[in-house]
Amino acid sequence: MASFGQGSRGHPRSRGRTWSRTGPDRATLAVVGVVCAVAGFFVLGIILGPVAVVCGWLAMGRSWAGSRPAPAVVALVLGIIDTVLAFVRLAGAASPGYGMF
């Protein structure tokens, strides 16, 4: 007799929910982060910068320990620079001089 939630296979649904990001998934996130960071220098830096930071952080495995793939670190650093520059441009545009220069 089958009971609810107590099957003989253990927990068949838990495998799909708790998957960890492996090599190809992390590499894809890192490349997406780098592309977003580079594109953010030209358009929509206020949006693409944080996206690059999140993609880089997820590609690093959400930790600072262990080996860090270079594209993930590049995405993280460029995303931070991109976000800071976007806020500087935004603050400069709000000043009475209409920009930094």
N, C-alpha and C. Protein backbone atom coordinates (compact mmCIF):
# COMPACT_ATOMS: atom_id res chain seq x y z
N MET A 1 0.83 -1.17 0.00
CA MET A 1 0.00 0.00 0.00
C MET A 1 0.88 1.24 0.00
N ALA A 2 0.58 2.14 -0.88
CA ALA A 2 1.38 3.35 -0.99
C ALA A 2 0.93 4.38 0.03
N SER A 3 1.88 4.98 0.67
CA SER A 3 1.55 6.04 1.62
C SER A 3 1.99 7.38 1.05
N PHE A 4 1.44 8.42 1.57
CA PHE A 4 1.73 9.75 1.05
C PHE A 4 3.08 10.24 1.53
N GLY A 5 4.00 10.48 0.59
CA GLY A 5 5.30 11.02 0.93
C GLY A 5 6.27 10.02 1.51
N GLN A 6 5.92 8.77 1.66
CA GLN A 6 6.80 7.78 2.26
C GLN A 6 7.08 6.66 1.26
N GLY A 7 7.52 7.00 0.07
CA GLY A 7 7.77 6.00 -0.95
C GLY A 7 9.03 5.21 -0.67
N SER A 8 9.22 4.14 -1.41
CA SER A 8 10.38 3.29 -1.19
C SER A 8 11.65 3.88 -1.80
N ARG A 9 11.49 4.93 -2.60
CA ARG A 9 12.67 5.50 -3.27
C ARG A 9 13.29 6.64 -2.47
N GLY A 10 12.91 6.86 -1.28
CA GLY A 10 13.47 7.95 -0.47
C GLY A 10 12.77 9.25 -0.79
N HIS A 11 13.51 10.22 -1.24
CA HIS A 11 12.97 11.54 -1.57
C HIS A 11 13.27 11.84 -3.03
N PRO A 12 12.43 11.40 -3.94
CA PRO A 12 12.76 11.54 -5.36
C PRO A 12 12.73 12.99 -5.84
N ARG A 13 12.02 13.86 -5.17
CA ARG A 13 11.93 15.23 -5.66
C ARG A 13 13.05 16.12 -5.14
N SER A 14 13.77 15.69 -4.15
CA SER A 14 14.79 16.55 -3.56
C SER A 14 16.01 16.72 -4.47
N ARG A 15 16.22 15.79 -5.39
CA ARG A 15 17.39 15.88 -6.25
C ARG A 15 17.32 17.09 -7.18
N GLY A 16 16.17 17.37 -7.72
CA GLY A 16 16.03 18.48 -8.64
C GLY A 16 16.06 19.84 -7.97
N ARG A 17 15.71 19.90 -6.73
CA ARG A 17 15.64 21.18 -6.03
C ARG A 17 16.97 21.61 -5.45
N THR A 18 17.80 20.68 -5.11
CA THR A 18 19.03 21.02 -4.39
C THR A 18 20.27 20.80 -5.24
N TRP A 19 20.16 20.95 -6.54
CA TRP A 19 21.33 20.70 -7.39
C TRP A 19 22.36 21.77 -7.16
N SER A 20 23.60 21.35 -7.19
CA SER A 20 24.70 22.31 -7.01
C SER A 20 25.25 22.70 -8.37
N ARG A 21 25.77 23.88 -8.44
CA ARG A 21 26.32 24.37 -9.70
C ARG A 21 27.67 23.70 -9.94
N THR A 22 27.77 23.01 -11.06
CA THR A 22 29.00 22.32 -11.39
C THR A 22 29.83 23.17 -12.33
N GLY A 23 30.88 22.60 -12.89
CA GLY A 23 31.81 23.32 -13.75
C GLY A 23 31.19 24.08 -14.90
N PRO A 24 30.45 23.43 -15.79
CA PRO A 24 29.89 24.16 -16.93
C PRO A 24 28.89 25.23 -16.52
N ASP A 25 28.10 24.98 -15.48
CA ASP A 25 27.15 25.97 -15.02
C ASP A 25 27.86 27.20 -14.46
N ARG A 26 28.90 26.98 -13.71
CA ARG A 26 29.67 28.09 -13.15
C ARG A 26 30.39 28.85 -14.25
N ALA A 27 30.91 28.14 -15.22
CA ALA A 27 31.60 28.82 -16.33
C ALA A 27 30.62 29.68 -17.12
N THR A 28 29.42 29.18 -17.32
CA THR A 28 28.41 29.96 -18.04
C THR A 28 28.03 31.20 -17.26
N LEU A 29 27.83 31.07 -15.96
CA LEU A 29 27.53 32.23 -15.14
C LEU A 29 28.66 33.25 -15.16
N ALA A 30 29.89 32.77 -15.16
CA ALA A 30 31.03 33.69 -15.19
C ALA A 30 31.08 34.46 -16.51
N VAL A 31 30.85 33.78 -17.60
CA VAL A 31 30.86 34.45 -18.91
C VAL A 31 29.71 35.44 -19.02
N VAL A 32 28.53 35.06 -18.52
CA VAL A 32 27.40 35.99 -18.53
C VAL A 32 27.72 37.21 -17.68
N GLY A 33 28.37 37.02 -16.55
CA GLY A 33 28.75 38.13 -15.70
C GLY A 33 29.74 39.06 -16.36
N VAL A 34 30.74 38.51 -17.06
CA VAL A 34 31.72 39.34 -17.75
C VAL A 34 31.05 40.13 -18.88
N VAL A 35 30.17 39.49 -19.62
CA VAL A 35 29.48 40.18 -20.72
C VAL A 35 28.61 41.31 -20.16
N CYS A 36 27.90 41.05 -19.08
CA CYS A 36 27.07 42.09 -18.47
C CYS A 36 27.93 43.24 -17.95
N ALA A 37 29.08 42.93 -17.37
CA ALA A 37 29.94 43.99 -16.84
C ALA A 37 30.50 44.85 -17.96
N VAL A 38 30.95 44.23 -19.03
CA VAL A 38 31.51 45.01 -20.14
C VAL A 38 30.41 45.83 -20.81
N ALA A 39 29.25 45.24 -21.01
CA ALA A 39 28.15 45.99 -21.62
C ALA A 39 27.67 47.11 -20.71
N GLY A 40 27.78 46.91 -19.41
CA GLY A 40 27.36 47.92 -18.45
C GLY A 40 28.20 49.17 -18.46
N PHE A 41 29.43 49.09 -18.97
CA PHE A 41 30.25 50.29 -19.09
C PHE A 41 29.69 51.24 -20.14
N PHE A 42 28.91 50.72 -21.06
CA PHE A 42 28.39 51.54 -22.15
C PHE A 42 26.91 51.88 -21.98
N VAL A 43 26.10 50.93 -21.55
CA VAL A 43 24.66 51.17 -21.38
C VAL A 43 24.17 50.50 -20.10
N LEU A 44 23.24 51.12 -19.42
CA LEU A 44 22.54 50.56 -18.27
C LEU A 44 23.47 49.99 -17.20
N GLY A 45 24.50 50.73 -16.85
CA GLY A 45 25.44 50.26 -15.84
C GLY A 45 24.82 50.07 -14.48
N ILE A 46 23.79 50.84 -14.18
CA ILE A 46 23.13 50.73 -12.88
C ILE A 46 22.40 49.39 -12.74
N ILE A 47 22.05 48.78 -13.84
CA ILE A 47 21.37 47.48 -13.81
C ILE A 47 22.34 46.34 -14.09
N LEU A 48 23.16 46.50 -15.13
CA LEU A 48 24.05 45.40 -15.52
C LEU A 48 25.22 45.20 -14.56
N GLY A 49 25.61 46.24 -13.83
CA GLY A 49 26.69 46.09 -12.84
C GLY A 49 26.33 45.13 -11.73
N PRO A 50 25.19 45.34 -11.06
CA PRO A 50 24.80 44.37 -10.03
C PRO A 50 24.51 42.97 -10.57
N VAL A 51 24.01 42.89 -11.80
CA VAL A 51 23.79 41.56 -12.41
C VAL A 51 25.13 40.85 -12.57
N ALA A 52 26.15 41.59 -12.99
CA ALA A 52 27.48 41.00 -13.14
C ALA A 52 28.06 40.57 -11.79
N VAL A 53 27.82 41.36 -10.76
CA VAL A 53 28.30 41.01 -9.42
C VAL A 53 27.63 39.71 -8.95
N VAL A 54 26.33 39.61 -9.13
CA VAL A 54 25.61 38.41 -8.69
C VAL A 54 26.06 37.19 -9.49
N CYS A 55 26.21 37.34 -10.80
CA CYS A 55 26.67 36.21 -11.62
C CYS A 55 28.08 35.78 -11.23
N GLY A 56 28.94 36.74 -10.99
CA GLY A 56 30.31 36.41 -10.56
C GLY A 56 30.34 35.72 -9.22
N TRP A 57 29.51 36.19 -8.29
CA TRP A 57 29.45 35.59 -6.96
C TRP A 57 28.92 34.16 -7.03
N LEU A 58 27.88 33.94 -7.83
CA LEU A 58 27.35 32.59 -7.98
C LEU A 58 28.34 31.67 -8.71
N ALA A 59 29.07 32.23 -9.66
CA ALA A 59 30.07 31.42 -10.37
C ALA A 59 31.24 31.04 -9.47
N MET A 60 31.49 31.86 -8.45
CA MET A 60 32.55 31.53 -7.50
C MET A 60 32.09 30.51 -6.46
N GLY A 61 30.83 30.14 -6.50
CA GLY A 61 30.32 29.17 -5.54
C GLY A 61 29.88 29.81 -4.25
N ARG A 62 29.60 31.10 -4.25
CA ARG A 62 29.13 31.86 -3.10
C ARG A 62 30.07 31.80 -1.92
N SER A 63 31.36 31.74 -2.16
CA SER A 63 32.33 31.75 -1.07
C SER A 63 33.65 32.33 -1.56
N TRP A 64 34.44 32.81 -0.64
CA TRP A 64 35.77 33.33 -0.98
C TRP A 64 36.83 32.25 -0.87
N ALA A 65 36.52 31.14 -0.23
CA ALA A 65 37.50 30.09 0.00
C ALA A 65 37.64 29.21 -1.24
N GLY A 66 38.77 28.55 -1.33
CA GLY A 66 38.99 27.61 -2.42
C GLY A 66 39.47 28.28 -3.69
N SER A 67 39.49 27.51 -4.74
CA SER A 67 39.97 28.04 -6.02
C SER A 67 38.89 28.91 -6.65
N ARG A 68 39.31 30.01 -7.21
CA ARG A 68 38.38 30.94 -7.85
C ARG A 68 38.68 30.99 -9.33
N PRO A 69 37.73 30.68 -10.18
CA PRO A 69 37.97 30.79 -11.61
C PRO A 69 38.13 32.26 -12.00
N ALA A 70 39.06 32.50 -12.91
CA ALA A 70 39.39 33.88 -13.30
C ALA A 70 38.20 34.63 -13.88
N PRO A 71 37.39 34.05 -14.77
CA PRO A 71 36.26 34.83 -15.29
C PRO A 71 35.26 35.24 -14.21
N ALA A 72 35.10 34.43 -13.18
CA ALA A 72 34.19 34.79 -12.10
C ALA A 72 34.70 35.99 -11.32
N VAL A 73 35.99 36.02 -11.05
CA VAL A 73 36.59 37.15 -10.33
C VAL A 73 36.54 38.40 -11.20
N VAL A 74 36.80 38.25 -12.49
CA VAL A 74 36.74 39.39 -13.41
C VAL A 74 35.32 39.95 -13.46
N ALA A 75 34.32 39.08 -13.51
CA ALA A 75 32.93 39.53 -13.53
C ALA A 75 32.58 40.26 -12.24
N LEU A 76 33.04 39.74 -11.12
CA LEU A 76 32.76 40.36 -9.83
C LEU A 76 33.41 41.74 -9.73
N VAL A 77 34.67 41.83 -10.07
CA VAL A 77 35.40 43.10 -9.94
C VAL A 77 34.87 44.13 -10.94
N LEU A 78 34.70 43.74 -12.20
CA LEU A 78 34.18 44.69 -13.18
C LEU A 78 32.74 45.11 -12.86
N GLY A 79 31.96 44.20 -12.31
CA GLY A 79 30.60 44.56 -11.91
C GLY A 79 30.59 45.59 -10.79
N ILE A 80 31.51 45.45 -9.84
CA ILE A 80 31.61 46.43 -8.76
C ILE A 80 32.04 47.78 -9.30
N ILE A 81 33.05 47.78 -10.16
CA ILE A 81 33.52 49.03 -10.77
C ILE A 81 32.41 49.66 -11.60
N ASP A 82 31.71 48.85 -12.33
CA ASP A 82 30.61 49.33 -13.18
C ASP A 82 29.51 49.97 -12.33
N THR A 83 29.16 49.34 -11.22
CA THR A 83 28.12 49.88 -10.35
C THR A 83 28.55 51.20 -9.72
N VAL A 84 29.79 51.25 -9.26
CA VAL A 84 30.29 52.50 -8.65
C VAL A 84 30.31 53.62 -9.69
N LEU A 85 30.79 53.34 -10.89
CA LEU A 85 30.81 54.36 -11.93
C LEU A 85 29.40 54.81 -12.32
N ALA A 86 28.45 53.91 -12.30
CA ALA A 86 27.07 54.28 -12.61
C ALA A 86 26.52 55.23 -11.56
N PHE A 87 26.84 54.98 -10.29
CA PHE A 87 26.38 55.89 -9.25
C PHE A 87 27.08 57.24 -9.33
N VAL A 88 28.37 57.24 -9.70
CA VAL A 88 29.08 58.51 -9.87
C VAL A 88 28.48 59.31 -11.02
N ARG A 89 28.18 58.63 -12.11
CA ARG A 89 27.54 59.33 -13.25
C ARG A 89 26.16 59.83 -12.87
N LEU A 90 25.42 59.04 -12.10
CA LEU A 90 24.10 59.46 -11.67
C LEU A 90 24.18 60.67 -10.75
N ALA A 91 25.14 60.67 -9.84
CA ALA A 91 25.32 61.81 -8.94
C ALA A 91 25.79 63.03 -9.72
N GLY A 92 26.62 62.83 -10.72
CA GLY A 92 27.09 63.95 -11.54
C GLY A 92 25.99 64.53 -12.39
N ALA A 93 25.07 63.68 -12.85
CA ALA A 93 23.96 64.17 -13.67
C ALA A 93 22.95 64.94 -12.83
N ALA A 94 22.90 64.66 -11.53
CA ALA A 94 21.96 65.35 -10.66
C ALA A 94 22.49 66.70 -10.19
N SER A 95 23.77 66.97 -10.43
CA SER A 95 24.34 68.24 -9.98
C SER A 95 23.93 69.36 -10.94
N PRO A 96 24.07 70.61 -10.51
CA PRO A 96 23.66 71.73 -11.37
C PRO A 96 24.48 71.88 -12.65
N GLY A 97 25.66 71.26 -12.69
CA GLY A 97 26.52 71.40 -13.87
C GLY A 97 26.20 70.44 -14.98
N TYR A 98 25.17 69.59 -14.82
CA TYR A 98 24.75 68.60 -15.81
C TYR A 98 25.86 67.65 -16.19
N GLY A 99 26.58 67.14 -15.26
CA GLY A 99 27.59 66.14 -15.55
C GLY A 99 28.90 66.42 -14.84
N MET A 100 29.82 65.52 -14.98
CA MET A 100 31.10 65.67 -14.29
C MET A 100 32.02 66.62 -15.03
N PHE A 101 31.92 66.71 -16.33
CA PHE A 101 32.88 67.53 -17.07
C PHE A 101 32.23 68.72 -17.69
